Amino acid sequence: MSNKVTKAAFSLITGASLLLSVNAFAQSAPIDPGHPRVNQVEKRIDNQEARVNRGVSDGQINASQAARDDAKIGREQTSLNRDMAAHHGHITRANQRHLNHRLNHGSRTIHRQSTAH
C-alpha cells in the first residue's frame, strides 16, 4: 500500500515540476519591445497606475479603493504577459480588444472614484 502511495506522490511531484518548468519556458519567450499593440496596452496600464497614484496623493481615492484598483491593474498586466508569452512577445488584435475593454472599465471606475469626492 505504501509503495502505491509513494509512486502516486512521486508522479504528482514530477507532474507539478514539469508544469512549472513549461510555464517558466513559456514566459521566457523573446519579447519585441517595439510591438505597437503591446506598447499601446502597456501605456494604458501605466497611465491608469499613475491616475490611481495621483488620486491617492490628492486625497480623492482612499487606500482601500487604491488597493482594489492596483489589484485590478495587476490582473490586466498579468493577462498581457500571458498573451505575450503565448504569441512570442506579441498580442493579437483580439487580445488587444479584450484588454482595452477591461481597461476601459477600470478607467471608468477610477474616474468615478476621483469625482465622487
PDB file of N, CA and C in Angstrom:
ATOM      1  N   MET A   1       0.827  -1.195   0.000  1.00  0.00           N
ATOM      2  CA  MET A   1       0.000   0.000   0.000  1.00  0.00           C
ATOM      3  C   MET A   1       0.866   1.252   0.000  1.00  0.00           C
ATOM      4  N   SER A   2       1.888   1.295   0.840  1.00  0.00           N
ATOM      5  CA  SER A   2       2.720   2.492   0.909  1.00  0.00           C
ATOM      6  C   SER A   2       3.517   2.678  -0.379  1.00  0.00           C
ATOM      7  N   ASN A   3       3.813   1.577  -1.080  1.00  0.00           N
ATOM      8  CA  ASN A   3       4.519   1.673  -2.345  1.00  0.00           C
ATOM      9  C   ASN A   3       3.659   2.390  -3.388  1.00  0.00           C
ATOM     10  N   LYS A   4       2.339   2.121  -3.387  1.00  0.00           N
ATOM     11  CA  LYS A   4       1.425   2.796  -4.305  1.00  0.00           C
ATOM     12  C   LYS A   4       1.323   4.280  -3.971  1.00  0.00           C
ATOM     13  N   VAL A   5       1.270   4.592  -2.680  1.00  0.00           N
ATOM     14  CA  VAL A   5       1.191   5.986  -2.247  1.00  0.00           C
ATOM     15  C   VAL A   5       2.471   6.717  -2.631  1.00  0.00           C
ATOM     16  N   THR A   6       3.609   6.074  -2.464  1.00  0.00           N
ATOM     17  CA  THR A   6       4.890   6.677  -2.821  1.00  0.00           C
ATOM     18  C   THR A   6       4.964   6.938  -4.316  1.00  0.00           C
ATOM     19  N   LYS A   7       4.503   5.982  -5.128  1.00  0.00           N
ATOM     20  CA  LYS A   7       4.512   6.162  -6.568  1.00  0.00           C
ATOM     21  C   LYS A   7       3.569   7.291  -6.983  1.00  0.00           C
ATOM     22  N   ALA A   8       2.422   7.365  -6.342  1.00  0.00           N
ATOM     23  CA  ALA A   8       1.461   8.423  -6.660  1.00  0.00           C
ATOM     24  C   ALA A   8       2.028   9.790  -6.284  1.00  0.00           C
ATOM     25  N   ALA A   9       2.663   9.870  -5.116  1.00  0.00           N
ATOM     26  CA  ALA A   9       3.265  11.133  -4.688  1.00  0.00           C
ATOM     27  C   ALA A   9       4.389  11.533  -5.631  1.00  0.00           C
ATOM     28  N   PHE A  10       5.206  10.566  -6.033  1.00  0.00           N
ATOM     29  CA  PHE A  10       6.299  10.844  -6.957  1.00  0.00           C
ATOM     30  C   PHE A  10       5.746  11.348  -8.297  1.00  0.00           C
ATOM     31  N   SER A  11       4.694  10.714  -8.776  1.00  0.00           N
ATOM     32  CA  SER A  11       4.073  11.135 -10.038  1.00  0.00           C
ATOM     33  C   SER A  11       3.510  12.542  -9.927  1.00  0.00           C
ATOM     34  N   LEU A  12       2.888  12.846  -8.802  1.00  0.00           N
ATOM     35  CA  LEU A  12       2.323  14.172  -8.585  1.00  0.00           C
ATOM     36  C   LEU A  12       3.421  15.221  -8.555  1.00  0.00           C
ATOM     37  N   ILE A  13       4.493  14.942  -7.848  1.00  0.00           N
ATOM     38  CA  ILE A  13       5.606  15.898  -7.750  1.00  0.00           C
ATOM     39  C   ILE A  13       6.265  16.078  -9.114  1.00  0.00           C
ATOM     40  N   THR A  14       6.459  14.998  -9.844  1.00  0.00           N
ATOM     41  CA  THR A  14       7.069  15.081 -11.164  1.00  0.00           C
ATOM     42  C   THR A  14       6.193  15.888 -12.113  1.00  0.00           C
ATOM     43  N   GLY A  15       4.894  15.646 -12.078  1.00  0.00           N
ATOM     44  CA  GLY A  15       3.969  16.394 -12.928  1.00  0.00           C
ATOM     45  C   GLY A  15       3.950  17.871 -12.595  1.00  0.00           C
ATOM     46  N   ALA A  16       3.966  18.196 -11.305  1.00  0.00           N
ATOM     47  CA  ALA A  16       3.964  19.599 -10.894  1.00  0.00           C
ATOM     48  C   ALA A  16       5.245  20.302 -11.326  1.00  0.00           C
ATOM     49  N   SER A  17       6.375  19.638 -11.169  1.00  0.00           N
ATOM     50  CA  SER A  17       7.635  20.268 -11.568  1.00  0.00           C
ATOM     51  C   SER A  17       7.703  20.442 -13.079  1.00  0.00           C
ATOM     52  N   LEU A  18       7.153  19.482 -13.826  1.00  0.00           N
ATOM     53  CA  LEU A  18       7.113  19.606 -15.278  1.00  0.00           C
ATOM     54  C   LEU A  18       6.231  20.780 -15.685  1.00  0.00           C
ATOM     55  N   LEU A  19       5.085  20.921 -15.024  1.00  0.00           N
ATOM     56  CA  LEU A  19       4.183  22.024 -15.316  1.00  0.00           C
ATOM     57  C   LEU A  19       4.857  23.361 -15.032  1.00  0.00           C
ATOM     58  N   LEU A  20       5.564  23.465 -13.919  1.00  0.00           N
ATOM     59  CA  LEU A  20       6.256  24.705 -13.579  1.00  0.00           C
ATOM     60  C   LEU A  20       7.355  25.017 -14.583  1.00  0.00           C
ATOM     61  N   SER A  21       8.092  24.001 -15.026  1.00  0.00           N
ATOM     62  CA  SER A  21       9.173  24.255 -15.980  1.00  0.00           C
ATOM     63  C   SER A  21       8.617  24.675 -17.337  1.00  0.00           C
ATOM     64  N   VAL A  22       7.485  24.113 -17.761  1.00  0.00           N
ATOM     65  CA  VAL A  22       6.858  24.516 -19.020  1.00  0.00           C
ATOM     66  C   VAL A  22       6.372  25.951 -18.906  1.00  0.00           C
ATOM     67  N   ASN A  23       5.782  26.316 -17.764  1.00  0.00           N
ATOM     68  CA  ASN A  23       5.300  27.670 -17.548  1.00  0.00           C
ATOM     69  C   ASN A  23       6.462  28.662 -17.587  1.00  0.00           C
ATOM     70  N   ALA A  24       7.575  28.315 -16.973  1.00  0.00           N
ATOM     71  CA  ALA A  24       8.742  29.198 -16.978  1.00  0.00           C
ATOM     72  C   ALA A  24       9.293  29.341 -18.392  1.00  0.00           C
ATOM     73  N   PHE A  25       9.282  28.265 -19.162  1.00  0.00           N
ATOM     74  CA  PHE A  25       9.752  28.325 -20.537  1.00  0.00           C
ATOM     75  C   PHE A  25       8.851  29.222 -21.381  1.00  0.00           C
ATOM     76  N   ALA A  26       7.551  29.117 -21.176  1.00  0.00           N
ATOM     77  CA  ALA A  26       6.614  29.922 -21.955  1.00  0.00           C
ATOM     78  C   ALA A  26       6.801  31.404 -21.664  1.00  0.00           C
ATOM     79  N   GLN A  27       7.163  31.764 -20.447  1.00  0.00           N
ATOM     80  CA  GLN A  27       7.329  33.160 -20.101  1.00  0.00           C
ATOM     81  C   GLN A  27       8.676  33.708 -20.546  1.00  0.00           C
ATOM     82  N   SER A  28       9.590  32.849 -20.979  1.00  0.00           N
ATOM     83  CA  SER A  28      10.895  33.334 -21.393  1.00  0.00           C
ATOM     84  C   SER A  28      10.958  33.516 -22.905  1.00  0.00           C
ATOM     85  N   ALA A  29       9.811  33.635 -23.550  1.00  0.00           N
ATOM     86  CA  ALA A  29       9.774  33.852 -24.991  1.00  0.00           C
ATOM     87  C   ALA A  29      10.394  35.204 -25.310  1.00  0.00           C
ATOM     88  N   PRO A  30      11.066  35.300 -26.455  1.00  0.00           N
ATOM     89  CA  PRO A  30      11.662  36.586 -26.819  1.00  0.00           C
ATOM     90  C   PRO A  30      10.583  37.645 -26.986  1.00  0.00           C
ATOM     91  N   ILE A  31      10.843  38.819 -26.465  1.00  0.00           N
ATOM     92  CA  ILE A  31       9.859  39.894 -26.473  1.00  0.00           C
ATOM     93  C   ILE A  31      10.316  40.991 -27.425  1.00  0.00           C
ATOM     94  N   ASP A  32       9.411  41.446 -28.257  1.00  0.00           N
ATOM     95  CA  ASP A  32       9.676  42.536 -29.180  1.00  0.00           C
ATOM     96  C   ASP A  32       9.224  43.834 -28.512  1.00  0.00           C
ATOM     97  N   PRO A  33      10.164  44.660 -28.012  1.00  0.00           N
ATOM     98  CA  PRO A  33       9.761  45.861 -27.277  1.00  0.00           C
ATOM     99  C   PRO A  33       9.094  46.915 -28.156  1.00  0.00           C
ATOM    100  N   GLY A  34       9.174  46.763 -29.464  1.00  0.00           N
ATOM    101  CA  GLY A  34       8.600  47.769 -30.335  1.00  0.00           C
ATOM    102  C   GLY A  34       7.265  47.381 -30.923  1.00  0.00           C
ATOM    103  N   HIS A  35       6.639  46.345 -30.408  1.00  0.00           N
ATOM    104  CA  HIS A  35       5.358  45.904 -30.969  1.00  0.00           C
ATOM    105  C   HIS A  35       4.275  46.919 -30.615  1.00  0.00           C
ATOM    106  N   PRO A  36       3.605  47.505 -31.600  1.00  0.00           N
ATOM    107  CA  PRO A  36       2.683  48.601 -31.324  1.00  0.00           C
ATOM    108  C   PRO A  36       1.480  48.227 -30.465  1.00  0.00           C
ATOM    109  N   ARG A  37       0.903  47.026 -30.633  1.00  0.00           N
ATOM    110  CA  ARG A  37      -0.250  46.661 -29.802  1.00  0.00           C
ATOM    111  C   ARG A  37       0.150  46.498 -28.357  1.00  0.00           C
ATOM    112  N   VAL A  38       1.322  45.885 -28.125  1.00  0.00           N
ATOM    113  CA  VAL A  38       1.818  45.713 -26.753  1.00  0.00           C
ATOM    114  C   VAL A  38       2.095  47.082 -26.139  1.00  0.00           C
ATOM    115  N   ASN A  39       2.761  47.946 -26.897  1.00  0.00           N
ATOM    116  CA  ASN A  39       3.090  49.279 -26.385  1.00  0.00           C
ATOM    117  C   ASN A  39       1.834  50.076 -26.035  1.00  0.00           C
ATOM    118  N   GLN A  40       0.799  49.961 -26.851  1.00  0.00           N
ATOM    119  CA  GLN A  40      -0.438  50.700 -26.590  1.00  0.00           C
ATOM    120  C   GLN A  40      -1.088  50.238 -25.294  1.00  0.00           C
ATOM    121  N   VAL A  41      -1.169  48.938 -25.087  1.00  0.00           N
ATOM    122  CA  VAL A  41      -1.799  48.408 -23.869  1.00  0.00           C
ATOM    123  C   VAL A  41      -0.940  48.729 -22.649  1.00  0.00           C
ATOM    124  N   GLU A  42       0.383  48.568 -22.772  1.00  0.00           N
ATOM    125  CA  GLU A  42       1.251  48.875 -21.634  1.00  0.00           C
ATOM    126  C   GLU A  42       1.169  50.347 -21.245  1.00  0.00           C
ATOM    127  N   LYS A  43       1.059  51.235 -22.235  1.00  0.00           N
ATOM    128  CA  LYS A  43       0.933  52.655 -21.942  1.00  0.00           C
ATOM    129  C   LYS A  43      -0.357  52.934 -21.174  1.00  0.00           C
ATOM    130  N   ARG A  44      -1.447  52.274 -21.572  1.00  0.00           N
ATOM    131  CA  ARG A  44      -2.714  52.458 -20.857  1.00  0.00           C
ATOM    132  C   ARG A  44      -2.612  51.964 -19.421  1.00  0.00           C
ATOM    133  N   ILE A  45      -1.938  50.829 -19.221  1.00  0.00           N
ATOM    134  CA  ILE A  45      -1.764  50.297 -17.866  1.00  0.00           C
ATOM    135  C   ILE A  45      -0.952  51.277 -17.029  1.00  0.00           C
ATOM    136  N   ASP A  46       0.138  51.787 -17.595  1.00  0.00           N
ATOM    137  CA  ASP A  46       0.969  52.767 -16.881  1.00  0.00           C
ATOM    138  C   ASP A  46       0.181  54.030 -16.546  1.00  0.00           C
ATOM    139  N   ASN A  47      -0.631  54.508 -17.498  1.00  0.00           N
ATOM    140  CA  ASN A  47      -1.441  55.702 -17.254  1.00  0.00           C
ATOM    141  C   ASN A  47      -2.441  55.483 -16.121  1.00  0.00           C
ATOM    142  N   GLN A  48      -3.046  54.288 -16.080  1.00  0.00           N
ATOM    143  CA  GLN A  48      -4.010  54.021 -15.012  1.00  0.00           C
ATOM    144  C   GLN A  48      -3.318  53.955 -13.657  1.00  0.00           C
ATOM    145  N   GLU A  49      -2.128  53.352 -13.616  1.00  0.00           N
ATOM    146  CA  GLU A  49      -1.381  53.324 -12.357  1.00  0.00           C
ATOM    147  C   GLU A  49      -1.071  54.746 -11.893  1.00  0.00           C
ATOM    148  N   ALA A  50      -0.673  55.608 -12.828  1.00  0.00           N
ATOM    149  CA  ALA A  50      -0.372  56.999 -12.484  1.00  0.00           C
ATOM    150  C   ALA A  50      -1.623  57.732 -11.996  1.00  0.00           C
ATOM    151  N   ARG A  51      -2.770  57.469 -12.632  1.00  0.00           N
ATOM    152  CA  ARG A  51      -4.017  58.108 -12.206  1.00  0.00           C
ATOM    153  C   ARG A  51      -4.410  57.688 -10.802  1.00  0.00           C
ATOM    154  N   VAL A  52      -4.236  56.410 -10.478  1.00  0.00           N
ATOM    155  CA  VAL A  52      -4.553  55.936  -9.126  1.00  0.00           C
ATOM    156  C   VAL A  52      -3.616  56.604  -8.122  1.00  0.00           C
ATOM    157  N   ASN A  53      -2.332  56.627  -8.425  1.00  0.00           N
ATOM    158  CA  ASN A  53      -1.366  57.254  -7.511  1.00  0.00           C
ATOM    159  C   ASN A  53      -1.658  58.739  -7.328  1.00  0.00           C
ATOM    160  N   ARG A  54      -2.020  59.422  -8.407  1.00  0.00           N
ATOM    161  CA  ARG A  54      -2.356  60.845  -8.322  1.00  0.00           C
ATOM    162  C   ARG A  54      -3.621  61.038  -7.481  1.00  0.00           C
ATOM    163  N   GLY A  55      -4.595  60.155  -7.659  1.00  0.00           N
ATOM    164  CA  GLY A  55      -5.830  60.243  -6.877  1.00  0.00           C
ATOM    165  C   GLY A  55      -5.590  60.032  -5.393  1.00  0.00           C
ATOM    166  N   VAL A  56      -4.671  59.133  -5.057  1.00  0.00           N
ATOM    167  CA  VAL A  56      -4.337  58.893  -3.650  1.00  0.00           C
ATOM    168  C   VAL A  56      -3.627  60.117  -3.080  1.00  0.00           C
ATOM    169  N   SER A  57      -2.666  60.657  -3.815  1.00  0.00           N
ATOM    170  CA  SER A  57      -1.918  61.813  -3.296  1.00  0.00           C
ATOM    171  C   SER A  57      -2.800  63.055  -3.196  1.00  0.00           C
ATOM    172  N   ASP A  58      -3.800  63.177  -4.068  1.00  0.00           N
ATOM    173  CA  ASP A  58      -4.724  64.310  -3.998  1.00  0.00           C
ATOM    174  C   ASP A  58      -5.822  64.109  -2.957  1.00  0.00           C
ATOM    175  N   GLY A  59      -5.926  62.902  -2.426  1.00  0.00           N
ATOM    176  CA  GLY A  59      -6.956  62.607  -1.435  1.00  0.00           C
ATOM    177  C   GLY A  59      -8.307  62.277  -2.047  1.00  0.00           C
ATOM    178  N   GLN A  60      -8.369  62.068  -3.351  1.00  0.00           N
ATOM    179  CA  GLN A  60      -9.635  61.759  -3.998  1.00  0.00           C
ATOM    180  C   GLN A  60      -9.958  60.271  -3.970  1.00  0.00           C
ATOM    181  N   ILE A  61      -8.927  59.437  -3.828  1.00  0.00           N
ATOM    182  CA  ILE A  61      -9.102  57.987  -3.775  1.00  0.00           C
ATOM    183  C   ILE A  61      -8.527  57.506  -2.447  1.00  0.00           C
ATOM    184  N   ASN A  62      -9.313  56.740  -1.687  1.00  0.00           N
ATOM    185  CA  ASN A  62      -8.803  56.260  -0.404  1.00  0.00           C
ATOM    186  C   ASN A  62      -7.966  54.994  -0.588  1.00  0.00           C
ATOM    187  N   ALA A  63      -7.364  54.525   0.491  1.00  0.00           N
ATOM    188  CA  ALA A  63      -6.417  53.406   0.422  1.00  0.00           C
ATOM    189  C   ALA A  63      -7.074  52.106  -0.039  1.00  0.00           C
ATOM    190  N   SER A  64      -8.284  51.835   0.424  1.00  0.00           N
ATOM    191  CA  SER A  64      -8.926  50.577   0.022  1.00  0.00           C
ATOM    192  C   SER A  64      -9.303  50.603  -1.457  1.00  0.00           C
ATOM    193  N   GLN A  65      -9.752  51.760  -1.948  1.00  0.00           N
ATOM    194  CA  GLN A  65     -10.058  51.878  -3.372  1.00  0.00           C
ATOM    195  C   GLN A  65      -8.782  51.726  -4.202  1.00  0.00           C
ATOM    196  N   ALA A  66      -7.701  52.328  -3.743  1.00  0.00           N
ATOM    197  CA  ALA A  66      -6.421  52.238  -4.453  1.00  0.00           C
ATOM    198  C   ALA A  66      -5.930  50.793  -4.485  1.00  0.00           C
ATOM    199  N   ALA A  67      -6.075  50.084  -3.387  1.00  0.00           N
ATOM    200  CA  ALA A  67      -5.653  48.682  -3.345  1.00  0.00           C
ATOM    201  C   ALA A  67      -6.463  47.851  -4.326  1.00  0.00           C
ATOM    202  N   ARG A  68      -7.766  48.096  -4.393  1.00  0.00           N
ATOM    203  CA  ARG A  68      -8.628  47.378  -5.321  1.00  0.00           C
ATOM    204  C   ARG A  68      -8.247  47.712  -6.773  1.00  0.00           C
ATOM    205  N   ASP A  69      -8.001  48.987  -7.033  1.00  0.00           N
ATOM    206  CA  ASP A  69      -7.601  49.400  -8.388  1.00  0.00           C
ATOM    207  C   ASP A  69      -6.245  48.816  -8.760  1.00  0.00           C
ATOM    208  N   ASP A  70      -5.301  48.827  -7.835  1.00  0.00           N
ATOM    209  CA  ASP A  70      -3.975  48.266  -8.106  1.00  0.00           C
ATOM    210  C   ASP A  70      -4.058  46.770  -8.402  1.00  0.00           C
ATOM    211  N   ALA A  71      -4.909  46.067  -7.665  1.00  0.00           N
ATOM    212  CA  ALA A  71      -5.072  44.631  -7.912  1.00  0.00           C
ATOM    213  C   ALA A  71      -5.669  44.392  -9.298  1.00  0.00           C
ATOM    214  N   LYS A  72      -6.644  45.222  -9.682  1.00  0.00           N
ATOM    215  CA  LYS A  72      -7.266  45.090 -10.996  1.00  0.00           C
ATOM    216  C   LYS A  72      -6.248  45.381 -12.108  1.00  0.00           C
ATOM    217  N   ILE A  73      -5.442  46.410 -11.919  1.00  0.00           N
ATOM    218  CA  ILE A  73      -4.418  46.752 -12.902  1.00  0.00           C
ATOM    219  C   ILE A  73      -3.382  45.634 -12.982  1.00  0.00           C
ATOM    220  N   GLY A  74      -3.048  45.053 -11.840  1.00  0.00           N
ATOM    221  CA  GLY A  74      -2.112  43.928 -11.820  1.00  0.00           C
ATOM    222  C   GLY A  74      -2.632  42.732 -12.597  1.00  0.00           C
ATOM    223  N   ARG A  75      -3.934  42.476 -12.492  1.00  0.00           N
ATOM    224  CA  ARG A  75      -4.529  41.372 -13.259  1.00  0.00           C
ATOM    225  C   ARG A  75      -4.457  41.648 -14.755  1.00  0.00           C
ATOM    226  N   GLU A  76      -4.639  42.902 -15.147  1.00  0.00           N
ATOM    227  CA  GLU A  76      -4.539  43.249 -16.568  1.00  0.00           C
ATOM    228  C   GLU A  76      -3.103  43.059 -17.056  1.00  0.00           C
ATOM    229  N   GLN A  77      -2.128  43.439 -16.231  1.00  0.00           N
ATOM    230  CA  GLN A  77      -0.725  43.261 -16.605  1.00  0.00           C
ATOM    231  C   GLN A  77      -0.391  41.777 -16.722  1.00  0.00           C
ATOM    232  N   THR A  78      -0.900  40.971 -15.801  1.00  0.00           N
ATOM    233  CA  THR A  78      -0.678  39.524 -15.862  1.00  0.00           C
ATOM    234  C   THR A  78      -1.298  38.936 -17.124  1.00  0.00           C
ATOM    235  N   SER A  79      -2.498  39.392 -17.464  1.00  0.00           N
ATOM    236  CA  SER A  79      -3.157  38.916 -18.675  1.00  0.00           C
ATOM    237  C   SER A  79      -2.348  39.299 -19.909  1.00  0.00           C
ATOM    238  N   LEU A  80      -1.838  40.514 -19.926  1.00  0.00           N
ATOM    239  CA  LEU A  80      -0.995  40.954 -21.044  1.00  0.00           C
ATOM    240  C   LEU A  80       0.252  40.084 -21.139  1.00  0.00           C
ATOM    241  N   ASN A  81       0.888  39.822 -20.006  1.00  0.00           N
ATOM    242  CA  ASN A  81       2.100  38.997 -20.010  1.00  0.00           C
ATOM    243  C   ASN A  81       1.820  37.586 -20.518  1.00  0.00           C
ATOM    244  N   ARG A  82       0.689  37.004 -20.120  1.00  0.00           N
ATOM    245  CA  ARG A  82       0.326  35.670 -20.600  1.00  0.00           C
ATOM    246  C   ARG A  82       0.094  35.663 -22.106  1.00  0.00           C
ATOM    247  N   ASP A  83      -0.623  36.680 -22.583  1.00  0.00           N
ATOM    248  CA  ASP A  83      -0.883  36.761 -24.019  1.00  0.00           C
ATOM    249  C   ASP A  83       0.417  36.933 -24.792  1.00  0.00           C
ATOM    250  N   MET A  84       1.321  37.740 -24.268  1.00  0.00           N
ATOM    251  CA  MET A  84       2.611  37.940 -24.927  1.00  0.00           C
ATOM    252  C   MET A  84       3.414  36.640 -24.942  1.00  0.00           C
ATOM    253  N   ALA A  85       3.396  35.904 -23.849  1.00  0.00           N
ATOM    254  CA  ALA A  85       4.137  34.641 -23.785  1.00  0.00           C
ATOM    255  C   ALA A  85       3.571  33.627 -24.771  1.00  0.00           C
ATOM    256  N   ALA A  86       2.272  33.667 -24.956  1.00  0.00           N
ATOM    257  CA  ALA A  86       1.636  32.723 -25.873  1.00  0.00           C
ATOM    258  C   ALA A  86       1.895  33.067 -27.335  1.00  0.00           C
ATOM    259  N   HIS A  87       2.229  34.318 -27.626  1.00  0.00           N
ATOM    260  CA  HIS A  87       2.399  34.760 -29.008  1.00  0.00           C
ATOM    261  C   HIS A  87       3.791  35.330 -29.262  1.00  0.00           C
ATOM    262  N   HIS A  88       4.783  34.827 -28.551  1.00  0.00           N
ATOM    263  CA  HIS A  88       6.190  35.189 -28.775  1.00  0.00           C
ATOM    264  C   HIS A  88       6.445  36.685 -28.677  1.00  0.00           C
ATOM    265  N   GLY A  89       5.894  37.308 -27.646  1.00  0.00           N
ATOM    266  CA  GLY A  89       6.149  38.718 -27.399  1.00  0.00           C
ATOM    267  C   GLY A  89       5.170  39.661 -28.061  1.00  0.00           C
ATOM    268  N   HIS A  90       4.207  39.148 -28.763  1.00  0.00           N
ATOM    269  CA  HIS A  90       3.191  39.965 -29.424  1.00  0.00           C
ATOM    270  C   HIS A  90       1.837  39.654 -28.802  1.00  0.00           C
ATOM    271  N   ILE A  91       0.844  40.448 -29.143  1.00  0.00           N
ATOM    272  CA  ILE A  91      -0.539  40.112 -28.801  1.00  0.00           C
ATOM    273  C   ILE A  91      -1.366  40.244 -30.072  1.00  0.00           C
ATOM    274  N   THR A  92      -2.425  39.480 -30.136  1.00  0.00           N
ATOM    275  CA  THR A  92      -3.305  39.533 -31.302  1.00  0.00           C
ATOM    276  C   THR A  92      -4.245  40.729 -31.174  1.00  0.00           C
ATOM    277  N   ARG A  93      -4.918  41.053 -32.252  1.00  0.00           N
ATOM    278  CA  ARG A  93      -5.898  42.142 -32.205  1.00  0.00           C
ATOM    279  C   ARG A  93      -7.017  41.805 -31.239  1.00  0.00           C
ATOM    280  N   ALA A  94      -7.409  40.544 -31.210  1.00  0.00           N
ATOM    281  CA  ALA A  94      -8.468  40.125 -30.283  1.00  0.00           C
ATOM    282  C   ALA A  94      -8.008  40.288 -28.841  1.00  0.00           C
ATOM    283  N   ASN A  95      -6.734  39.934 -28.546  1.00  0.00           N
ATOM    284  CA  ASN A  95      -6.200  40.141 -27.205  1.00  0.00           C
ATOM    285  C   ASN A  95      -6.218  41.625 -26.848  1.00  0.00           C
ATOM    286  N   GLN A  96      -5.804  42.458 -27.797  1.00  0.00           N
ATOM    287  CA  GLN A  96      -5.766  43.897 -27.559  1.00  0.00           C
ATOM    288  C   GLN A  96      -7.165  44.442 -27.294  1.00  0.00           C
ATOM    289  N   ARG A  97      -8.133  44.018 -28.111  1.00  0.00           N
ATOM    290  CA  ARG A  97      -9.514  44.466 -27.917  1.00  0.00           C
ATOM    291  C   ARG A  97     -10.027  44.062 -26.544  1.00  0.00           C
ATOM    292  N   HIS A  98      -9.766  42.808 -26.155  1.00  0.00           N
ATOM    293  CA  HIS A  98     -10.232  42.318 -24.858  1.00  0.00           C
ATOM    294  C   HIS A  98      -9.592  43.103 -23.714  1.00  0.00           C
ATOM    295  N   LEU A  99      -8.278  43.301 -23.786  1.00  0.00           N
ATOM    296  CA  LEU A  99      -7.589  44.053 -22.733  1.00  0.00           C
ATOM    297  C   LEU A  99      -8.076  45.500 -22.690  1.00  0.00           C
ATOM    298  N   ASN A 100      -8.250  46.117 -23.845  1.00  0.00           N
ATOM    299  CA  ASN A 100      -8.739  47.502 -23.869  1.00  0.00           C
ATOM    300  C   ASN A 100     -10.145  47.610 -23.299  1.00  0.00           C
ATOM    301  N   HIS A 101     -10.979  46.626 -23.568  1.00  0.00           N
ATOM    302  CA  HIS A 101     -12.330  46.616 -22.992  1.00  0.00           C
ATOM    303  C   HIS A 101     -12.255  46.598 -21.468  1.00  0.00           C
ATOM    304  N   ARG A 102     -11.400  45.719 -20.933  1.00  0.00           N
ATOM    305  CA  ARG A 102     -11.251  45.630 -19.480  1.00  0.00           C
ATOM    306  C   ARG A 102     -10.614  46.892 -18.910  1.00  0.00           C
ATOM    307  N   LEU A 103      -9.666  47.468 -19.636  1.00  0.00           N
ATOM    308  CA  LEU A 103      -9.037  48.712 -19.176  1.00  0.00           C
ATOM    309  C   LEU A 103     -10.022  49.872 -19.228  1.00  0.00           C
ATOM    310  N   ASN A 104     -10.933  49.885 -20.191  1.00  0.00           N
ATOM    311  CA  ASN A 104     -11.972  50.920 -20.239  1.00  0.00           C
ATOM    312  C   ASN A 104     -12.831  50.865 -18.984  1.00  0.00           C
ATOM    313  N   HIS A 105     -13.189  49.669 -18.576  1.00  0.00           N
ATOM    314  CA  HIS A 105     -13.993  49.506 -17.363  1.00  0.00           C
ATOM    315  C   HIS A 105     -13.233  50.033 -16.155  1.00  0.00           C
ATOM    316  N   GLY A 106     -11.949  49.673 -16.054  1.00  0.00           N
ATOM    317  CA  GLY A 106     -11.126  50.158 -14.942  1.00  0.00           C
ATOM    318  C   GLY A 106     -10.969  51.661 -14.953  1.00  0.00           C
ATOM    319  N   SER A 107     -10.846  52.237 -16.144  1.00  0.00           N
ATOM    320  CA  SER A 107     -10.709  53.686 -16.264  1.00  0.00           C
ATOM    321  C   SER A 107     -11.966  54.400 -15.766  1.00  0.00           C
ATOM    322  N   ARG A 108     -13.131  53.871 -16.135  1.00  0.00           N
ATOM    323  CA  ARG A 108     -14.386  54.460 -15.658  1.00  0.00           C
ATOM    324  C   ARG A 108     -14.490  54.374 -14.140  1.00  0.00           C
ATOM    325  N   THR A 109     -14.051  53.247 -13.580  1.00  0.00           N
ATOM    326  CA  THR A 109     -14.096  53.077 -12.124  1.00  0.00           C
ATOM    327  C   THR A 109     -13.208  54.116 -11.447  1.00  0.00           C
ATOM    328  N   ILE A 110     -12.001  54.305 -11.957  1.00  0.00           N
ATOM    329  CA  ILE A 110     -11.082  55.291 -11.380  1.00  0.00           C
ATOM    330  C   ILE A 110     -11.687  56.689 -11.498  1.00  0.00           C
ATOM    331  N   HIS A 111     -12.288  56.999 -12.634  1.00  0.00           N
ATOM    332  CA  HIS A 111     -12.906  58.317 -12.826  1.00  0.00           C
ATOM    333  C   HIS A 111     -14.023  58.560 -11.822  1.00  0.00           C
ATOM    334  N   ARG A 112     -14.888  57.549 -11.656  1.00  0.00           N
ATOM    335  CA  ARG A 112     -15.997  57.689 -10.700  1.00  0.00           C
ATOM    336  C   ARG A 112     -15.493  57.895  -9.283  1.00  0.00           C
ATOM    337  N   GLN A 113     -14.425  57.187  -8.917  1.00  0.00           N
ATOM    338  CA  GLN A 113     -13.884  57.325  -7.570  1.00  0.00           C
ATOM    339  C   GLN A 113     -13.303  58.707  -7.351  1.00  0.00           C
ATOM    340  N   SER A 114     -12.614  59.228  -8.344  1.00  0.00           N
ATOM    341  CA  SER A 114     -11.953  60.515  -8.153  1.00  0.00           C
ATOM    342  C   SER A 114     -12.936  61.689  -8.223  1.00  0.00           C
ATOM    343  N   THR A 115     -14.082  61.502  -8.871  1.00  0.00           N
ATOM    344  CA  THR A 115     -15.056  62.590  -8.940  1.00  0.00           C
ATOM    345  C   THR A 115     -16.111  62.497  -7.839  1.00  0.00           C
ATOM    346  N   ALA A 116     -16.120  61.414  -7.096  1.00  0.00           N
ATOM    347  CA  ALA A 116     -17.127  61.236  -6.045  1.00  0.00           C
ATOM    348  C   ALA A 116     -16.857  62.126  -4.850  1.00  0.00           C
ATOM    349  N   HIS A 117     -15.634  62.597  -4.704  1.00  0.00           N
ATOM    350  CA  HIS A 117     -15.298  63.413  -3.526  1.00  0.00           C
ATOM    351  C   HIS A 117     -15.422  64.873  -3.805  1.00  0.00           C
TER     352      HIS A 117
END
